[in-house]
Structure formats: structure tokens, C-alpha cells
N, C-alpha and C. Protein backbone atom coordinates (compact mmCIF):
# COMPACT_ATOMS: atom_id res chain seq x y z
N MET A 1 11.04 -53.06 9.58
CA MET A 1 10.70 -52.30 8.27
C MET A 1 10.64 -50.67 8.39
N ALA A 2 10.45 -50.31 7.67
CA ALA A 2 10.48 -48.47 8.21
C ALA A 2 9.11 -48.34 7.42
N ALA A 3 8.66 -47.47 8.07
CA ALA A 3 7.34 -46.78 7.80
C ALA A 3 7.67 -45.13 7.25
N PHE A 4 7.06 -44.70 6.22
CA PHE A 4 7.17 -43.66 6.03
C PHE A 4 5.75 -42.50 5.73
N ASP A 5 5.50 -41.64 6.69
CA ASP A 5 4.04 -41.37 6.87
C ASP A 5 3.65 -40.00 5.81
N THR A 6 2.94 -40.43 4.97
CA THR A 6 2.67 -39.38 3.41
C THR A 6 1.46 -38.85 3.93
N THR A 7 0.97 -38.79 5.29
CA THR A 7 -0.30 -37.80 5.76
C THR A 7 0.05 -36.49 6.02
N ARG A 8 1.35 -36.51 6.28
CA ARG A 8 1.49 -34.97 6.65
C ARG A 8 1.55 -34.15 5.44
N THR A 9 1.10 -32.48 6.06
CA THR A 9 1.50 -31.80 4.72
C THR A 9 2.82 -30.96 5.17
N HIS A 10 3.25 -30.82 6.09
CA HIS A 10 4.58 -30.15 6.11
C HIS A 10 5.52 -31.07 7.17
N TYR A 11 6.53 -30.85 6.62
CA TYR A 11 7.72 -31.90 7.16
C TYR A 11 8.73 -30.62 8.05
N GLY A 12 9.39 -30.80 8.73
CA GLY A 12 10.15 -30.00 10.04
C GLY A 12 11.23 -29.26 8.94
N SER A 13 11.80 -29.80 7.81
CA SER A 13 12.57 -28.93 7.21
C SER A 13 12.48 -28.06 6.19
N THR A 14 10.84 -28.48 5.93
CA THR A 14 10.56 -27.27 4.71
C THR A 14 9.60 -26.43 5.42
N ALA A 15 9.28 -26.27 6.57
CA ALA A 15 8.90 -25.21 7.52
C ALA A 15 10.10 -24.33 7.72
N LEU A 16 10.84 -25.37 8.16
CA LEU A 16 11.88 -24.45 8.76
C LEU A 16 12.72 -23.33 7.60
N ALA A 17 12.66 -24.26 6.62
CA ALA A 17 13.54 -23.26 5.31
C ALA A 17 12.46 -22.16 5.34
N SER A 18 11.08 -22.34 4.87
CA SER A 18 9.81 -21.48 4.92
C SER A 18 10.72 -20.10 5.63
N ARG A 19 10.63 -20.54 7.17
CA ARG A 19 10.65 -19.07 8.17
C ARG A 19 11.92 -18.53 7.78
N ILE A 20 13.28 -19.35 7.26
CA ILE A 20 14.13 -18.56 7.06
C ILE A 20 14.36 -17.94 6.21
N LEU A 21 13.17 -18.57 4.78
CA LEU A 21 13.18 -17.49 3.81
C LEU A 21 12.28 -16.17 4.10
N ASN A 22 11.56 -16.30 4.48
CA ASN A 22 10.46 -15.28 5.02
C ASN A 22 11.47 -14.34 5.85
N THR A 23 11.98 -14.35 6.70
CA THR A 23 12.97 -13.55 7.42
C THR A 23 13.74 -12.85 6.78
N LEU A 24 14.88 -13.69 5.76
CA LEU A 24 15.80 -13.14 5.22
C LEU A 24 15.01 -12.08 3.82
N SER A 25 13.83 -12.24 3.61
CA SER A 25 13.36 -11.84 2.36
C SER A 25 12.85 -10.31 3.24
N GLY A 26 12.12 -10.58 4.46
CA GLY A 26 11.91 -9.55 5.04
C GLY A 26 13.19 -8.44 5.45
N ALA A 27 14.24 -8.79 5.60
CA ALA A 27 15.20 -8.00 5.79
C ALA A 27 15.71 -7.61 4.56
N VAL A 28 16.03 -8.62 3.55
CA VAL A 28 16.03 -7.94 2.13
C VAL A 28 14.96 -6.52 2.07
N ALA A 29 13.57 -6.92 2.22
CA ALA A 29 12.75 -5.35 2.22
C ALA A 29 13.14 -4.63 2.86
N SER A 30 13.43 -4.79 4.17
CA SER A 30 13.57 -3.39 4.77
C SER A 30 14.95 -2.55 4.16
N VAL A 31 15.82 -2.93 3.81
CA VAL A 31 17.04 -3.06 3.29
C VAL A 31 16.55 -1.86 2.28
N VAL A 32 15.99 -2.51 1.21
CA VAL A 32 15.77 -1.82 -0.03
C VAL A 32 14.78 -0.50 0.13
N ALA A 33 13.81 -0.51 1.44
CA ALA A 33 12.82 0.59 1.61
C ALA A 33 13.75 1.53 2.19
N TRP A 34 14.67 1.24 3.02
CA TRP A 34 15.57 1.82 3.73
C TRP A 34 16.81 2.88 2.99
N ASN A 35 17.20 2.26 1.56
CA ASN A 35 17.52 2.75 0.69
C ASN A 35 16.71 3.83 -0.18
N ASP A 36 15.52 3.58 -0.28
CA ASP A 36 14.86 4.49 -1.05
C ASP A 36 14.38 5.24 -0.63
N ALA A 37 14.70 5.26 0.73
CA ALA A 37 13.91 6.86 1.40
C ALA A 37 15.21 7.64 1.61
N ARG A 38 16.51 6.94 1.67
CA ARG A 38 17.73 7.64 1.83
C ARG A 38 17.82 8.40 0.14
N VAL A 39 17.74 7.73 -0.93
CA VAL A 39 17.67 8.45 -2.05
C VAL A 39 16.66 9.28 -2.39
N THR A 40 15.58 9.32 -1.57
CA THR A 40 14.83 10.54 -2.14
C THR A 40 14.98 11.53 -0.98
N ARG A 41 15.40 11.25 0.28
CA ARG A 41 15.80 12.16 1.22
C ARG A 41 16.84 13.00 0.27
N ASN A 42 17.87 12.58 -0.43
CA ASN A 42 19.26 13.19 -0.48
C ASN A 42 18.67 14.10 -1.86
N ALA A 43 18.07 13.44 -3.15
CA ALA A 43 17.61 14.18 -4.15
C ALA A 43 16.76 15.52 -3.74
N LEU A 44 15.55 15.27 -2.80
CA LEU A 44 14.79 16.41 -2.52
C LEU A 44 15.93 17.63 -1.30
N SER A 45 16.70 17.12 -0.64
CA SER A 45 17.52 18.22 -0.15
C SER A 45 18.75 18.84 -1.25
N GLY A 46 18.65 18.43 -2.23
CA GLY A 46 19.67 19.11 -3.29
C GLY A 46 18.65 20.14 -3.86
N LEU A 47 17.41 20.05 -3.82
CA LEU A 47 16.55 21.22 -4.24
C LEU A 47 16.42 22.81 -3.47
N THR A 48 16.30 23.52 -4.12
CA THR A 48 16.30 24.93 -3.36
C THR A 48 14.80 25.15 -3.00
N ASP A 49 14.69 25.94 -2.03
CA ASP A 49 13.41 26.36 -1.49
C ASP A 49 12.31 26.56 -2.33
N ARG A 50 12.56 27.30 -3.51
CA ARG A 50 11.77 27.74 -4.34
C ARG A 50 11.21 26.42 -5.12
N GLU A 51 12.59 25.37 -5.68
CA GLU A 51 11.83 24.31 -6.11
C GLU A 51 10.88 23.34 -5.66
N LEU A 52 11.34 23.40 -4.10
CA LEU A 52 10.64 22.54 -3.27
C LEU A 52 9.25 23.36 -3.51
N ASP A 53 9.26 24.74 -3.23
CA ASP A 53 7.63 25.22 -3.17
C ASP A 53 7.04 25.08 -4.51
N ASP A 54 7.62 24.94 -5.49
CA ASP A 54 7.31 24.54 -7.07
C ASP A 54 6.42 23.13 -6.81
N ILE A 55 6.63 22.42 -6.19
CA ILE A 55 6.28 20.91 -6.09
C ILE A 55 5.41 21.10 -4.91
N GLY A 56 5.30 21.94 -4.14
CA GLY A 56 4.20 21.90 -3.08
C GLY A 56 4.99 21.44 -1.67
N LEU A 57 5.97 21.19 -1.69
CA LEU A 57 6.75 20.97 -0.53
C LEU A 57 7.82 21.82 0.19
N SER A 58 7.49 21.89 1.40
CA SER A 58 8.57 22.65 2.45
C SER A 58 9.86 21.89 2.49
N ARG A 59 10.81 22.37 2.93
CA ARG A 59 11.67 21.56 3.93
C ARG A 59 11.52 20.53 4.87
N SER A 60 10.75 21.29 5.85
CA SER A 60 10.41 20.53 6.86
C SER A 60 9.54 18.68 6.53
N ASP A 61 9.03 18.82 5.40
CA ASP A 61 8.16 18.24 4.47
C ASP A 61 9.18 16.77 3.99
N ILE A 62 10.36 16.90 4.03
CA ILE A 62 11.48 16.11 3.15
C ILE A 62 11.46 14.35 3.85
N ASP A 63 11.33 14.55 5.19
CA ASP A 63 11.50 13.38 5.87
C ASP A 63 10.32 12.52 5.48
N ALA A 64 9.18 13.67 5.91
CA ALA A 64 7.57 12.85 5.65
C ALA A 64 7.50 12.27 4.26
N VAL A 65 7.75 12.69 3.41
CA VAL A 65 8.05 12.03 1.97
C VAL A 65 8.92 10.95 1.87
N ALA A 66 9.91 11.02 2.40
CA ALA A 66 11.30 10.34 1.96
C ALA A 66 10.57 8.93 2.99
N GLU A 67 9.65 8.92 3.94
CA GLU A 67 9.07 7.54 4.75
C GLU A 67 7.66 7.16 3.98
N ASN A 68 7.25 8.40 3.00
CA ASN A 68 5.97 7.91 2.91
C ASN A 68 4.95 8.13 3.76
N ASN A 69 5.45 9.02 4.66
CA ASN A 69 4.09 9.36 5.73
C ASN A 69 3.64 10.88 5.71
N LEU A 70 4.05 11.33 4.27
CA LEU A 70 3.28 12.74 4.16
C LEU A 70 1.77 12.60 3.75
N ILE A 71 0.75 12.94 4.14
CA ILE A 71 -0.74 13.08 4.02
C ILE A 71 -0.87 14.51 3.77
N ARG A 72 -1.65 14.44 2.50
CA ARG A 72 -2.04 16.06 1.99
C ARG A 72 -3.21 15.50 1.31
């Protein structure tokens, strides 16, 4: 006679699937963040020094803004 344990809250395959999905979603989020920073960096690099000054930035601020690390 076979018995099935119904008191367990997590089964092996469910926990494994959850870990795999978390890893994949983290990887996708990293790629999206990288692409957003790349697009921002390219857009700001295309501006003239005068245009950057108008929005309160200098050329040296571009990388920090692209990575969301600029504190003002």
C-alpha cells in the first residue's frame, strides 16, 4: 500500500522550480538594467556640453546618471 504525505508544504520539484525561476528572473532583470543604462549613456553622450549644462550635468556625470548613482 502506498502512502502520500499531505502534511508537507514544499515538495522538492516545487522548490527547485522556484529557485530556477528566481535565478532566471534575476538574470533578466540584470540584462534589462544594463540595457537601460546603455541607452541612457548613449542619449546623454549625444548632447553637447551646453545642453548638459542646461540640465545640470557635466560630461563626467554621465556614467553616474546612467547607473543611477548620481547624488545631488
